[in-house]
Amino acid sequence: MPIGTHTFEYCLGKEFFAEMESSDILDADLDVALTVVHKSDVYDMTFDITGDITLECDRCLDEMQQPIDVEYHIVVKYGEEYCD
């Protein structure tokens, strides 16, 4: 990826979560906007996620809709040592 700011858009649905083991998400309609600022060996990423997911209620086991509107900020830097 060249140095600079890059934007990506993704739509995540049921198929995405079906591939994950032990996923509690039964269905999804999520829009993800990803902004990556690449500076040398650093990737500064911001994920904006909006939409709805369908979960199973812990109490009655009925399906329930859960609206999602979150932002995650992650910085990845390559170096000699591994740091989780």
PDB file of N, CA and C in Angstrom:
ATOM      1  N   MET A   1       0.844  -1.166   0.000  1.00  0.00           N
ATOM      2  CA  MET A   1       0.000   0.000   0.000  1.00  0.00           C
ATOM      3  C   MET A   1       0.897   1.240   0.000  1.00  0.00           C
ATOM      4  N   PRO A   2       0.662   2.156  -0.922  1.00  0.00           N
ATOM      5  CA  PRO A   2       1.491   3.364  -0.956  1.00  0.00           C
ATOM      6  C   PRO A   2       1.232   4.275   0.250  1.00  0.00           C
ATOM      7  N   ILE A   3       2.213   5.072   0.580  1.00  0.00           N
ATOM      8  CA  ILE A   3       2.078   6.019   1.688  1.00  0.00           C
ATOM      9  C   ILE A   3       0.987   7.029   1.347  1.00  0.00           C
ATOM     10  N   GLY A   4       0.162   7.343   2.367  1.00  0.00           N
ATOM     11  CA  GLY A   4      -0.931   8.286   2.175  1.00  0.00           C
ATOM     12  C   GLY A   4      -2.199   7.799   2.848  1.00  0.00           C
ATOM     13  N   THR A   5      -3.301   8.470   2.566  1.00  0.00           N
ATOM     14  CA  THR A   5      -4.595   8.122   3.146  1.00  0.00           C
ATOM     15  C   THR A   5      -5.413   7.348   2.125  1.00  0.00           C
ATOM     16  N   HIS A   6      -5.981   6.236   2.567  1.00  0.00           N
ATOM     17  CA  HIS A   6      -6.767   5.367   1.701  1.00  0.00           C
ATOM     18  C   HIS A   6      -8.098   5.061   2.398  1.00  0.00           C
ATOM     19  N   THR A   7      -9.168   5.008   1.629  1.00  0.00           N
ATOM     20  CA  THR A   7     -10.481   4.678   2.197  1.00  0.00           C
ATOM     21  C   THR A   7     -11.045   3.448   1.487  1.00  0.00           C
ATOM     22  N   PHE A   8     -11.713   2.633   2.268  1.00  0.00           N
ATOM     23  CA  PHE A   8     -12.330   1.416   1.760  1.00  0.00           C
ATOM     24  C   PHE A   8     -13.732   1.317   2.349  1.00  0.00           C
ATOM     25  N   GLU A   9     -14.649   0.705   1.595  1.00  0.00           N
ATOM     26  CA  GLU A   9     -16.001   0.476   2.091  1.00  0.00           C
ATOM     27  C   GLU A   9     -16.354  -0.986   1.894  1.00  0.00           C
ATOM     28  N   TYR A  10     -16.967  -1.554   2.928  1.00  0.00           N
ATOM     29  CA  TYR A  10     -17.349  -2.961   2.912  1.00  0.00           C
ATOM     30  C   TYR A  10     -18.788  -3.101   3.399  1.00  0.00           C
ATOM     31  N   CYS A  11     -19.464  -4.130   2.909  1.00  0.00           N
ATOM     32  CA  CYS A  11     -20.785  -4.516   3.417  1.00  0.00           C
ATOM     33  C   CYS A  11     -20.636  -5.920   3.992  1.00  0.00           C
ATOM     34  N   LEU A  12     -20.964  -6.070   5.265  1.00  0.00           N
ATOM     35  CA  LEU A  12     -20.851  -7.372   5.922  1.00  0.00           C
ATOM     36  C   LEU A  12     -22.250  -7.911   6.171  1.00  0.00           C
ATOM     37  N   GLY A  13     -22.464  -9.141   5.739  1.00  0.00           N
ATOM     38  CA  GLY A  13     -23.757  -9.788   5.906  1.00  0.00           C
ATOM     39  C   GLY A  13     -23.624 -11.109   6.637  1.00  0.00           C
ATOM     40  N   LYS A  14     -24.662 -11.886   6.535  1.00  0.00           N
ATOM     41  CA  LYS A  14     -24.751 -13.178   7.212  1.00  0.00           C
ATOM     42  C   LYS A  14     -23.585 -14.096   6.835  1.00  0.00           C
ATOM     43  N   GLU A  15     -23.194 -14.070   5.572  1.00  0.00           N
ATOM     44  CA  GLU A  15     -22.133 -14.958   5.078  1.00  0.00           C
ATOM     45  C   GLU A  15     -20.807 -14.709   5.784  1.00  0.00           C
ATOM     46  N   PHE A  16     -20.506 -13.448   6.065  1.00  0.00           N
ATOM     47  CA  PHE A  16     -19.250 -13.108   6.737  1.00  0.00           C
ATOM     48  C   PHE A  16     -19.173 -13.748   8.113  1.00  0.00           C
ATOM     49  N   PHE A  17     -20.247 -13.654   8.884  1.00  0.00           N
ATOM     50  CA  PHE A  17     -20.246 -14.180  10.240  1.00  0.00           C
ATOM     51  C   PHE A  17     -20.443 -15.691  10.283  1.00  0.00           C
ATOM     52  N   ALA A  18     -21.019 -16.271   9.249  1.00  0.00           N
ATOM     53  CA  ALA A  18     -21.190 -17.722   9.196  1.00  0.00           C
ATOM     54  C   ALA A  18     -19.850 -18.440   9.107  1.00  0.00           C
ATOM     55  N   GLU A  19     -18.839 -17.783   8.555  1.00  0.00           N
ATOM     56  CA  GLU A  19     -17.512 -18.374   8.428  1.00  0.00           C
ATOM     57  C   GLU A  19     -16.723 -18.382   9.738  1.00  0.00           C
ATOM     58  N   MET A  20     -17.189 -17.646  10.727  1.00  0.00           N
ATOM     59  CA  MET A  20     -16.499 -17.574  12.014  1.00  0.00           C
ATOM     60  C   MET A  20     -17.059 -18.616  12.966  1.00  0.00           C
ATOM     61  N   GLU A  21     -16.157 -19.340  13.607  1.00  0.00           N
ATOM     62  CA  GLU A  21     -16.589 -20.322  14.593  1.00  0.00           C
ATOM     63  C   GLU A  21     -17.136 -19.615  15.819  1.00  0.00           C
ATOM     64  N   SER A  22     -18.161 -20.168  16.407  1.00  0.00           N
ATOM     65  CA  SER A  22     -18.800 -19.682  17.629  1.00  0.00           C
ATOM     66  C   SER A  22     -19.276 -18.237  17.532  1.00  0.00           C
ATOM     67  N   SER A  23     -19.745 -17.831  16.357  1.00  0.00           N
ATOM     68  CA  SER A  23     -20.307 -16.498  16.201  1.00  0.00           C
ATOM     69  C   SER A  23     -21.743 -16.496  16.705  1.00  0.00           C
ATOM     70  N   ASP A  24     -22.065 -15.526  17.537  1.00  0.00           N
ATOM     71  CA  ASP A  24     -23.423 -15.398  18.068  1.00  0.00           C
ATOM     72  C   ASP A  24     -24.319 -14.591  17.142  1.00  0.00           C
ATOM     73  N   ILE A  25     -23.771 -14.089  16.059  1.00  0.00           N
ATOM     74  CA  ILE A  25     -24.528 -13.254  15.129  1.00  0.00           C
ATOM     75  C   ILE A  25     -25.221 -14.145  14.109  1.00  0.00           C
ATOM     76  N   LEU A  26     -26.559 -14.091  14.089  1.00  0.00           N
ATOM     77  CA  LEU A  26     -27.344 -14.918  13.185  1.00  0.00           C
ATOM     78  C   LEU A  26     -27.502 -14.283  11.812  1.00  0.00           C
ATOM     79  N   ASP A  27     -27.571 -12.964  11.777  1.00  0.00           N
ATOM     80  CA  ASP A  27     -27.723 -12.238  10.521  1.00  0.00           C
ATOM     81  C   ASP A  27     -27.131 -10.842  10.717  1.00  0.00           C
ATOM     82  N   ALA A  28     -26.776 -10.195   9.626  1.00  0.00           N
ATOM     83  CA  ALA A  28     -26.160  -8.868   9.740  1.00  0.00           C
ATOM     84  C   ALA A  28     -26.380  -8.074   8.471  1.00  0.00           C
ATOM     85  N   ASP A  29     -26.457  -6.791   8.654  1.00  0.00           N
ATOM     86  CA  ASP A  29     -26.490  -5.831   7.556  1.00  0.00           C
ATOM     87  C   ASP A  29     -25.658  -4.642   8.022  1.00  0.00           C
ATOM     88  N   LEU A  30     -24.333  -4.750   7.858  1.00  0.00           N
ATOM     89  CA  LEU A  30     -23.410  -3.755   8.377  1.00  0.00           C
ATOM     90  C   LEU A  30     -22.658  -3.076   7.241  1.00  0.00           C
ATOM     91  N   ASP A  31     -22.492  -1.771   7.376  1.00  0.00           N
ATOM     92  CA  ASP A  31     -21.661  -0.993   6.466  1.00  0.00           C
ATOM     93  C   ASP A  31     -20.402  -0.597   7.228  1.00  0.00           C
ATOM     94  N   VAL A  32     -19.256  -0.879   6.637  1.00  0.00           N
ATOM     95  CA  VAL A  32     -17.971  -0.569   7.269  1.00  0.00           C
ATOM     96  C   VAL A  32     -17.220   0.409   6.376  1.00  0.00           C
ATOM     97  N   ALA A  33     -16.839   1.532   6.964  1.00  0.00           N
ATOM     98  CA  ALA A  33     -15.988   2.499   6.273  1.00  0.00           C
ATOM     99  C   ALA A  33     -14.634   2.460   6.971  1.00  0.00           C
ATOM    100  N   LEU A  34     -13.599   2.119   6.230  1.00  0.00           N
ATOM    101  CA  LEU A  34     -12.251   1.996   6.773  1.00  0.00           C
ATOM    102  C   LEU A  34     -11.372   3.084   6.171  1.00  0.00           C
ATOM    103  N   THR A  35     -10.726   3.849   7.048  1.00  0.00           N
ATOM    104  CA  THR A  35      -9.751   4.844   6.618  1.00  0.00           C
ATOM    105  C   THR A  35      -8.388   4.417   7.129  1.00  0.00           C
ATOM    106  N   VAL A  36      -7.440   4.275   6.217  1.00  0.00           N
ATOM    107  CA  VAL A  36      -6.080   3.861   6.570  1.00  0.00           C
ATOM    108  C   VAL A  36      -5.131   5.002   6.209  1.00  0.00           C
ATOM    109  N   VAL A  37      -4.390   5.471   7.206  1.00  0.00           N
ATOM    110  CA  VAL A  37      -3.338   6.456   6.969  1.00  0.00           C
ATOM    111  C   VAL A  37      -2.016   5.701   7.097  1.00  0.00           C
ATOM    112  N   HIS A  38      -1.316   5.565   5.969  1.00  0.00           N
ATOM    113  CA  HIS A  38      -0.060   4.816   5.935  1.00  0.00           C
ATOM    114  C   HIS A  38       1.093   5.803   5.974  1.00  0.00           C
ATOM    115  N   LYS A  39       1.911   5.682   7.028  1.00  0.00           N
ATOM    116  CA  LYS A  39       3.100   6.525   7.176  1.00  0.00           C
ATOM    117  C   LYS A  39       4.278   5.598   7.427  1.00  0.00           C
ATOM    118  N   SER A  40       5.136   5.441   6.478  1.00  0.00           N
ATOM    119  CA  SER A  40       6.336   4.627   6.605  1.00  0.00           C
ATOM    120  C   SER A  40       5.988   3.225   7.092  1.00  0.00           C
ATOM    121  N   ASP A  41       6.299   2.893   8.350  1.00  0.00           N
ATOM    122  CA  ASP A  41       6.008   1.552   8.871  1.00  0.00           C
ATOM    123  C   ASP A  41       4.822   1.554   9.830  1.00  0.00           C
ATOM    124  N   VAL A  42       3.976   2.589   9.774  1.00  0.00           N
ATOM    125  CA  VAL A  42       2.815   2.710  10.667  1.00  0.00           C
ATOM    126  C   VAL A  42       1.536   2.772   9.840  1.00  0.00           C
ATOM    127  N   TYR A  43       0.537   2.000  10.259  1.00  0.00           N
ATOM    128  CA  TYR A  43      -0.788   2.043   9.659  1.00  0.00           C
ATOM    129  C   TYR A  43      -1.763   2.512  10.734  1.00  0.00           C
ATOM    130  N   ASP A  44      -2.360   3.668  10.535  1.00  0.00           N
ATOM    131  CA  ASP A  44      -3.330   4.244  11.460  1.00  0.00           C
ATOM    132  C   ASP A  44      -4.710   4.002  10.850  1.00  0.00           C
ATOM    133  N   MET A  45      -5.494   3.098  11.461  1.00  0.00           N
ATOM    134  CA  MET A  45      -6.759   2.665  10.873  1.00  0.00           C
ATOM    135  C   MET A  45      -7.948   3.083  11.731  1.00  0.00           C
ATOM    136  N   THR A  46      -8.986   3.586  11.075  1.00  0.00           N
ATOM    137  CA  THR A  46     -10.230   3.928  11.746  1.00  0.00           C
ATOM    138  C   THR A  46     -11.364   3.190  11.044  1.00  0.00           C
ATOM    139  N   PHE A  47     -12.091   2.384  11.816  1.00  0.00           N
ATOM    140  CA  PHE A  47     -13.232   1.636  11.321  1.00  0.00           C
ATOM    141  C   PHE A  47     -14.504   2.300  11.827  1.00  0.00           C
ATOM    142  N   ASP A  48     -15.401   2.706  10.928  1.00  0.00           N
ATOM    143  CA  ASP A  48     -16.734   3.194  11.282  1.00  0.00           C
ATOM    144  C   ASP A  48     -17.727   2.125  10.845  1.00  0.00           C
ATOM    145  N   ILE A  49     -18.459   1.556  11.809  1.00  0.00           N
ATOM    146  CA  ILE A  49     -19.365   0.453  11.522  1.00  0.00           C
ATOM    147  C   ILE A  49     -20.770   0.849  11.925  1.00  0.00           C
ATOM    148  N   THR A  50     -21.718   0.763  10.969  1.00  0.00           N
ATOM    149  CA  THR A  50     -23.121   1.069  11.245  1.00  0.00           C
ATOM    150  C   THR A  50     -24.003   0.002  10.610  1.00  0.00           C
ATOM    151  N   GLY A  51     -25.165  -0.199  11.194  1.00  0.00           N
ATOM    152  CA  GLY A  51     -26.119  -1.154  10.654  1.00  0.00           C
ATOM    153  C   GLY A  51     -26.835  -1.897  11.757  1.00  0.00           C
ATOM    154  N   ASP A  52     -27.303  -3.089  11.433  1.00  0.00           N
ATOM    155  CA  ASP A  52     -28.050  -3.928  12.373  1.00  0.00           C
ATOM    156  C   ASP A  52     -27.524  -5.354  12.336  1.00  0.00           C
ATOM    157  N   ILE A  53     -27.555  -6.003  13.490  1.00  0.00           N
ATOM    158  CA  ILE A  53     -27.255  -7.432  13.566  1.00  0.00           C
ATOM    159  C   ILE A  53     -28.415  -8.140  14.248  1.00  0.00           C
ATOM    160  N   THR A  54     -28.566  -9.420  13.960  1.00  0.00           N
ATOM    161  CA  THR A  54     -29.584 -10.244  14.597  1.00  0.00           C
ATOM    162  C   THR A  54     -28.890 -11.223  15.522  1.00  0.00           C
ATOM    163  N   LEU A  55     -29.312 -11.212  16.780  1.00  0.00           N
ATOM    164  CA  LEU A  55     -28.758 -12.079  17.813  1.00  0.00           C
ATOM    165  C   LEU A  55     -29.848 -12.937  18.406  1.00  0.00           C
ATOM    166  N   GLU A  56     -29.454 -13.953  19.161  1.00  0.00           N
ATOM    167  CA  GLU A  56     -30.400 -14.771  19.912  1.00  0.00           C
ATOM    168  C   GLU A  56     -30.435 -14.262  21.342  1.00  0.00           C
ATOM    169  N   CYS A  57     -31.630 -13.967  21.842  1.00  0.00           N
ATOM    170  CA  CYS A  57     -31.787 -13.462  23.201  1.00  0.00           C
ATOM    171  C   CYS A  57     -31.334 -14.527  24.201  1.00  0.00           C
ATOM    172  N   ASP A  58     -30.555 -14.107  25.189  1.00  0.00           N
ATOM    173  CA  ASP A  58     -30.057 -15.032  26.206  1.00  0.00           C
ATOM    174  C   ASP A  58     -31.173 -15.558  27.122  1.00  0.00           C
ATOM    175  N   ARG A  59     -32.233 -14.784  27.264  1.00  0.00           N
ATOM    176  CA  ARG A  59     -33.298 -15.172  28.192  1.00  0.00           C
ATOM    177  C   ARG A  59     -34.389 -16.016  27.539  1.00  0.00           C
ATOM    178  N   CYS A  60     -34.892 -15.559  26.372  1.00  0.00           N
ATOM    179  CA  CYS A  60     -36.045 -16.246  25.772  1.00  0.00           C
ATOM    180  C   CYS A  60     -35.702 -16.994  24.493  1.00  0.00           C
ATOM    181  N   LEU A  61     -34.481 -16.835  23.999  1.00  0.00           N
ATOM    182  CA  LEU A  61     -33.976 -17.479  22.783  1.00  0.00           C
ATOM    183  C   LEU A  61     -34.649 -16.994  21.503  1.00  0.00           C
ATOM    184  N   ASP A  62     -35.451 -15.922  21.585  1.00  0.00           N
ATOM    185  CA  ASP A  62     -36.013 -15.311  20.380  1.00  0.00           C
ATOM    186  C   ASP A  62     -34.931 -14.509  19.670  1.00  0.00           C
ATOM    187  N   GLU A  63     -35.114 -14.319  18.381  1.00  0.00           N
ATOM    188  CA  GLU A  63     -34.200 -13.464  17.644  1.00  0.00           C
ATOM    189  C   GLU A  63     -34.486 -12.011  17.985  1.00  0.00           C
ATOM    190  N   MET A  64     -33.419 -11.224  18.114  1.00  0.00           N
ATOM    191  CA  MET A  64     -33.589  -9.799  18.397  1.00  0.00           C
ATOM    192  C   MET A  64     -32.642  -8.982  17.533  1.00  0.00           C
ATOM    193  N   GLN A  65     -33.108  -7.814  17.134  1.00  0.00           N
ATOM    194  CA  GLN A  65     -32.309  -6.892  16.341  1.00  0.00           C
ATOM    195  C   GLN A  65     -31.511  -5.992  17.275  1.00  0.00           C
ATOM    196  N   GLN A  66     -30.259  -5.764  16.925  1.00  0.00           N
ATOM    197  CA  GLN A  66     -29.404  -4.875  17.696  1.00  0.00           C
ATOM    198  C   GLN A  66     -28.784  -3.854  16.752  1.00  0.00           C
ATOM    199  N   PRO A  67     -29.121  -2.576  16.931  1.00  0.00           N
ATOM    200  CA  PRO A  67     -28.477  -1.569  16.085  1.00  0.00           C
ATOM    201  C   PRO A  67     -27.011  -1.386  16.477  1.00  0.00           C
ATOM    202  N   ILE A  68     -26.165  -1.133  15.486  1.00  0.00           N
ATOM    203  CA  ILE A  68     -24.730  -0.957  15.696  1.00  0.00           C
ATOM    204  C   ILE A  68     -24.312   0.394  15.117  1.00  0.00           C
ATOM    205  N   ASP A  69     -23.591   1.158  15.907  1.00  0.00           N
ATOM    206  CA  ASP A  69     -23.015   2.425  15.457  1.00  0.00           C
ATOM    207  C   ASP A  69     -21.758   2.659  16.289  1.00  0.00           C
ATOM    208  N   VAL A  70     -20.614   2.145  15.810  1.00  0.00           N
ATOM    209  CA  VAL A  70     -19.368   2.200  16.581  1.00  0.00           C
ATOM    210  C   VAL A  70     -18.214   2.680  15.704  1.00  0.00           C
ATOM    211  N   GLU A  71     -17.172   3.131  16.384  1.00  0.00           N
ATOM    212  CA  GLU A  71     -15.931   3.517  15.713  1.00  0.00           C
ATOM    213  C   GLU A  71     -14.764   2.890  16.479  1.00  0.00           C
ATOM    214  N   TYR A  72     -13.873   2.234  15.738  1.00  0.00           N
ATOM    215  CA  TYR A  72     -12.678   1.635  16.325  1.00  0.00           C
ATOM    216  C   TYR A  72     -11.453   2.298  15.709  1.00  0.00           C
ATOM    217  N   HIS A  73     -10.478   2.584  16.554  1.00  0.00           N
ATOM    218  CA  HIS A  73      -9.231   3.178  16.082  1.00  0.00           C
ATOM    219  C   HIS A  73      -8.102   2.226  16.455  1.00  0.00           C
ATOM    220  N   ILE A  74      -7.327   1.805  15.463  1.00  0.00           N
ATOM    221  CA  ILE A  74      -6.239   0.850  15.673  1.00  0.00           C
ATOM    222  C   ILE A  74      -4.983   1.380  14.984  1.00  0.00           C
ATOM    223  N   VAL A  75      -3.859   1.272  15.676  1.00  0.00           N
ATOM    224  CA  VAL A  75      -2.571   1.649  15.091  1.00  0.00           C
ATOM    225  C   VAL A  75      -1.705   0.393  15.027  1.00  0.00           C
ATOM    226  N   VAL A  76      -1.186   0.113  13.844  1.00  0.00           N
ATOM    227  CA  VAL A  76      -0.310  -1.042  13.635  1.00  0.00           C
ATOM    228  C   VAL A  76       1.064  -0.515  13.231  1.00  0.00           C
ATOM    229  N   LYS A  77       2.085  -0.982  13.947  1.00  0.00           N
ATOM    230  CA  LYS A  77       3.447  -0.564  13.627  1.00  0.00           C
ATOM    231  C   LYS A  77       4.326  -1.800  13.519  1.00  0.00           C
ATOM    232  N   TYR A  78       5.042  -1.883  12.440  1.00  0.00           N
ATOM    233  CA  TYR A  78       5.977  -2.984  12.263  1.00  0.00           C
ATOM    234  C   TYR A  78       7.279  -2.675  12.973  1.00  0.00           C
ATOM    235  N   GLY A  79       7.852  -3.700  13.613  1.00  0.00           N
ATOM    236  CA  GLY A  79       9.114  -3.522  14.308  1.00  0.00           C
ATOM    237  C   GLY A  79       9.788  -4.858  14.556  1.00  0.00           C
ATOM    238  N   GLU A  80      10.857  -4.826  15.298  1.00  0.00           N
ATOM    239  CA  GLU A  80      11.632  -6.032  15.580  1.00  0.00           C
ATOM    240  C   GLU A  80      10.917  -6.954  16.560  1.00  0.00           C
ATOM    241  N   GLU A  81      10.160  -6.389  17.503  1.00  0.00           N
ATOM    242  CA  GLU A  81       9.517  -7.187  18.534  1.00  0.00           C
ATOM    243  C   GLU A  81       8.032  -7.313  18.257  1.00  0.00           C
ATOM    244  N   TYR A  82       7.453  -8.435  18.751  1.00  0.00           N
ATOM    245  CA  TYR A  82       6.017  -8.653  18.651  1.00  0.00           C
ATOM    246  C   TYR A  82       5.374  -8.129  19.922  1.00  0.00           C
ATOM    247  N   CYS A  83       4.363  -7.298  19.789  1.00  0.00           N
ATOM    248  CA  CYS A  83       3.641  -6.758  20.926  1.00  0.00           C
ATOM    249  C   CYS A  83       2.165  -6.833  20.620  1.00  0.00           C
ATOM    250  N   ASP A  84       1.421  -7.602  21.406  1.00  0.00           N
ATOM    251  CA  ASP A  84      -0.005  -7.805  21.189  1.00  0.00           C
ATOM    252  C   ASP A  84      -0.814  -6.729  21.867  1.00  0.00           C
TER     253      ASP A  84
END
